[in-house]
Amino acid sequence: MKKDPVCNMEVEERDAFTTECEGETFYFCSEGCRDKFLKEKGA
């Protein structure tokens, strides 16, 4: 299990939305959380 850095929800790696940032893979419960993360990072 991984933790969504936006909402802190636990997510299964195989079901998660992902993105790479600064060489690290981040896992998200939804596209919305992923998009919010990317917007905050300025990506």
PDB file of N, CA and C in Angstrom:
ATOM      1  N   MET A   1       0.840  -1.185   0.000  1.00  0.00           N
ATOM      2  CA  MET A   1       0.000   0.000   0.000  1.00  0.00           C
ATOM      3  C   MET A   1       0.887   1.251   0.000  1.00  0.00           C
ATOM      4  N   LYS A   2       0.410   2.235  -0.723  1.00  0.00           N
ATOM      5  CA  LYS A   2       1.085   3.532  -0.770  1.00  0.00           C
ATOM      6  C   LYS A   2       0.117   4.586  -0.253  1.00  0.00           C
ATOM      7  N   LYS A   3       0.653   5.733   0.133  1.00  0.00           N
ATOM      8  CA  LYS A   3      -0.189   6.808   0.643  1.00  0.00           C
ATOM      9  C   LYS A   3      -0.234   7.958  -0.357  1.00  0.00           C
ATOM     10  N   ASP A   4      -1.454   8.378  -0.696  1.00  0.00           N
ATOM     11  CA  ASP A   4      -1.677   9.528  -1.566  1.00  0.00           C
ATOM     12  C   ASP A   4      -1.157  10.768  -0.829  1.00  0.00           C
ATOM     13  N   PRO A   5      -0.198  11.513  -1.409  1.00  0.00           N
ATOM     14  CA  PRO A   5       0.375  12.666  -0.718  1.00  0.00           C
ATOM     15  C   PRO A   5      -0.572  13.860  -0.622  1.00  0.00           C
ATOM     16  N   VAL A   6      -1.679  13.833  -1.365  1.00  0.00           N
ATOM     17  CA  VAL A   6      -2.630  14.945  -1.338  1.00  0.00           C
ATOM     18  C   VAL A   6      -3.676  14.741  -0.242  1.00  0.00           C
ATOM     19  N   CYS A   7      -4.342  13.579  -0.247  1.00  0.00           N
ATOM     20  CA  CYS A   7      -5.440  13.333   0.699  1.00  0.00           C
ATOM     21  C   CYS A   7      -5.079  12.333   1.794  1.00  0.00           C
ATOM     22  N   ASN A   8      -3.873  11.764   1.721  1.00  0.00           N
ATOM     23  CA  ASN A   8      -3.372  10.784   2.697  1.00  0.00           C
ATOM     24  C   ASN A   8      -4.137   9.463   2.713  1.00  0.00           C
ATOM     25  N   MET A   9      -4.887   9.186   1.663  1.00  0.00           N
ATOM     26  CA  MET A   9      -5.608   7.919   1.565  1.00  0.00           C
ATOM     27  C   MET A   9      -4.637   6.811   1.175  1.00  0.00           C
ATOM     28  N   GLU A  10      -4.821   5.625   1.743  1.00  0.00           N
ATOM     29  CA  GLU A  10      -4.004   4.463   1.368  1.00  0.00           C
ATOM     30  C   GLU A  10      -4.520   3.923   0.033  1.00  0.00           C
ATOM     31  N   VAL A  11      -3.604   3.670  -0.911  1.00  0.00           N
ATOM     32  CA  VAL A  11      -3.988   3.166  -2.230  1.00  0.00           C
ATOM     33  C   VAL A  11      -3.128   1.962  -2.604  1.00  0.00           C
ATOM     34  N   GLU A  12      -3.732   1.034  -3.323  1.00  0.00           N
ATOM     35  CA  GLU A  12      -2.999  -0.116  -3.855  1.00  0.00           C
ATOM     36  C   GLU A  12      -2.158   0.366  -5.035  1.00  0.00           C
ATOM     37  N   GLU A  13      -0.903  -0.031  -5.083  1.00  0.00           N
ATOM     38  CA  GLU A  13      -0.021   0.387  -6.178  1.00  0.00           C
ATOM     39  C   GLU A  13      -0.608   0.047  -7.538  1.00  0.00           C
ATOM     40  N   ARG A  14      -1.188  -1.148  -7.669  1.00  0.00           N
ATOM     41  CA  ARG A  14      -1.680  -1.590  -8.980  1.00  0.00           C
ATOM     42  C   ARG A  14      -2.904  -0.805  -9.447  1.00  0.00           C
ATOM     43  N   ASP A  15      -3.652  -0.190  -8.519  1.00  0.00           N
ATOM     44  CA  ASP A  15      -4.864   0.547  -8.863  1.00  0.00           C
ATOM     45  C   ASP A  15      -4.657   2.055  -8.905  1.00  0.00           C
ATOM     46  N   ALA A  16      -3.507   2.520  -8.457  1.00  0.00           N
ATOM     47  CA  ALA A  16      -3.283   3.949  -8.261  1.00  0.00           C
ATOM     48  C   ALA A  16      -2.965   4.682  -9.563  1.00  0.00           C
ATOM     49  N   PHE A  17      -3.294   5.963  -9.561  1.00  0.00           N
ATOM     50  CA  PHE A  17      -2.817   6.882 -10.591  1.00  0.00           C
ATOM     51  C   PHE A  17      -1.421   7.291 -10.137  1.00  0.00           C
ATOM     52  N   THR A  18      -0.487   7.392 -11.064  1.00  0.00           N
ATOM     53  CA  THR A  18       0.896   7.684 -10.679  1.00  0.00           C
ATOM     54  C   THR A  18       1.471   8.840 -11.478  1.00  0.00           C
ATOM     55  N   THR A  19       2.520   9.414 -10.932  1.00  0.00           N
ATOM     56  CA  THR A  19       3.328  10.385 -11.653  1.00  0.00           C
ATOM     57  C   THR A  19       4.731  10.334 -11.069  1.00  0.00           C
ATOM     58  N   GLU A  20       5.707  10.695 -11.883  1.00  0.00           N
ATOM     59  CA  GLU A  20       7.085  10.791 -11.409  1.00  0.00           C
ATOM     60  C   GLU A  20       7.438  12.250 -11.260  1.00  0.00           C
ATOM     61  N   CYS A  21       8.102  12.559 -10.165  1.00  0.00           N
ATOM     62  CA  CYS A  21       8.520  13.929  -9.897  1.00  0.00           C
ATOM     63  C   CYS A  21       9.857  13.865  -9.173  1.00  0.00           C
ATOM     64  N   GLU A  22      10.860  14.524  -9.720  1.00  0.00           N
ATOM     65  CA  GLU A  22      12.194  14.568  -9.125  1.00  0.00           C
ATOM     66  C   GLU A  22      12.736  13.165  -8.848  1.00  0.00           C
ATOM     67  N   GLY A  23      12.490  12.240  -9.781  1.00  0.00           N
ATOM     68  CA  GLY A  23      13.021  10.893  -9.684  1.00  0.00           C
ATOM     69  C   GLY A  23      12.277   9.961  -8.746  1.00  0.00           C
ATOM     70  N   GLU A  24      11.153  10.405  -8.199  1.00  0.00           N
ATOM     71  CA  GLU A  24      10.367   9.590  -7.271  1.00  0.00           C
ATOM     72  C   GLU A  24       8.975   9.358  -7.856  1.00  0.00           C
ATOM     73  N   THR A  25       8.440   8.154  -7.674  1.00  0.00           N
ATOM     74  CA  THR A  25       7.094   7.842  -8.131  1.00  0.00           C
ATOM     75  C   THR A  25       6.113   8.114  -7.003  1.00  0.00           C
ATOM     76  N   PHE A  26       5.054   8.871  -7.318  1.00  0.00           N
ATOM     77  CA  PHE A  26       4.003   9.179  -6.357  1.00  0.00           C
ATOM     78  C   PHE A  26       2.724   8.484  -6.792  1.00  0.00           C
ATOM     79  N   TYR A  27       1.940   8.035  -5.816  1.00  0.00           N
ATOM     80  CA  TYR A  27       0.724   7.262  -6.061  1.00  0.00           C
ATOM     81  C   TYR A  27      -0.482   8.038  -5.539  1.00  0.00           C
ATOM     82  N   PHE A  28      -1.575   8.020  -6.341  1.00  0.00           N
ATOM     83  CA  PHE A  28      -2.755   8.814  -6.008  1.00  0.00           C
ATOM     84  C   PHE A  28      -4.024   7.986  -6.116  1.00  0.00           C
ATOM     85  N   CYS A  29      -5.040   8.367  -5.318  1.00  0.00           N
ATOM     86  CA  CYS A  29      -6.315   7.658  -5.330  1.00  0.00           C
ATOM     87  C   CYS A  29      -7.152   8.029  -6.548  1.00  0.00           C
ATOM     88  N   SER A  30      -6.887   9.198  -7.139  1.00  0.00           N
ATOM     89  CA  SER A  30      -7.707   9.675  -8.255  1.00  0.00           C
ATOM     90  C   SER A  30      -6.906  10.607  -9.154  1.00  0.00           C
ATOM     91  N   GLU A  31      -7.457  10.845 -10.338  1.00  0.00           N
ATOM     92  CA  GLU A  31      -6.839  11.814 -11.247  1.00  0.00           C
ATOM     93  C   GLU A  31      -6.858  13.206 -10.631  1.00  0.00           C
ATOM     94  N   GLY A  32      -7.914  13.506  -9.877  1.00  0.00           N
ATOM     95  CA  GLY A  32      -8.037  14.818  -9.240  1.00  0.00           C
ATOM     96  C   GLY A  32      -6.905  15.092  -8.268  1.00  0.00           C
ATOM     97  N   CYS A  33      -6.580  14.105  -7.439  1.00  0.00           N
ATOM     98  CA  CYS A  33      -5.464  14.274  -6.498  1.00  0.00           C
ATOM     99  C   CYS A  33      -4.148  14.396  -7.253  1.00  0.00           C
ATOM    100  N   ARG A  34      -3.976  13.584  -8.292  1.00  0.00           N
ATOM    101  CA  ARG A  34      -2.747  13.667  -9.091  1.00  0.00           C
ATOM    102  C   ARG A  34      -2.622  15.048  -9.725  1.00  0.00           C
ATOM    103  N   ASP A  35      -3.712  15.553 -10.295  1.00  0.00           N
ATOM    104  CA  ASP A  35      -3.675  16.862 -10.944  1.00  0.00           C
ATOM    105  C   ASP A  35      -3.402  17.983  -9.943  1.00  0.00           C
ATOM    106  N   LYS A  36      -3.987  17.883  -8.752  1.00  0.00           N
ATOM    107  CA  LYS A  36      -3.741  18.884  -7.710  1.00  0.00           C
ATOM    108  C   LYS A  36      -2.270  18.871  -7.306  1.00  0.00           C
ATOM    109  N   PHE A  37      -1.701  17.682  -7.141  1.00  0.00           N
ATOM    110  CA  PHE A  37      -0.287  17.535  -6.796  1.00  0.00           C
ATOM    111  C   PHE A  37       0.590  18.182  -7.867  1.00  0.00           C
ATOM    112  N   LEU A  38       0.311  17.875  -9.137  1.00  0.00           N
ATOM    113  CA  LEU A  38       1.117  18.421 -10.228  1.00  0.00           C
ATOM    114  C   LEU A  38       0.993  19.938 -10.306  1.00  0.00           C
ATOM    115  N   LYS A  39      -0.194  20.460 -10.068  1.00  0.00           N
ATOM    116  CA  LYS A  39      -0.399  21.912 -10.095  1.00  0.00           C
ATOM    117  C   LYS A  39       0.408  22.584  -8.985  1.00  0.00           C
ATOM    118  N   GLU A  40       0.392  21.984  -7.791  1.00  0.00           N
ATOM    119  CA  GLU A  40       1.140  22.545  -6.662  1.00  0.00           C
ATOM    120  C   GLU A  40       2.649  22.467  -6.889  1.00  0.00           C
ATOM    121  N   LYS A  41       3.097  21.429  -7.595  1.00  0.00           N
ATOM    122  CA  LYS A  41       4.528  21.278  -7.898  1.00  0.00           C
ATOM    123  C   LYS A  41       4.950  22.139  -9.086  1.00  0.00           C
ATOM    124  N   GLY A  42       3.967  22.681  -9.809  1.00  0.00           N
ATOM    125  CA  GLY A  42       4.280  23.495 -10.973  1.00  0.00           C
ATOM    126  C   GLY A  42       4.708  22.687 -12.174  1.00  0.00           C
ATOM    127  N   ALA A  43       4.266  21.431 -12.241  1.00  0.00           N
ATOM    128  CA  ALA A  43       4.641  20.538 -13.346  1.00  0.00           C
ATOM    129  C   ALA A  43       3.691  20.683 -14.510  1.00  0.00           C
TER     130      ALA A  43
END
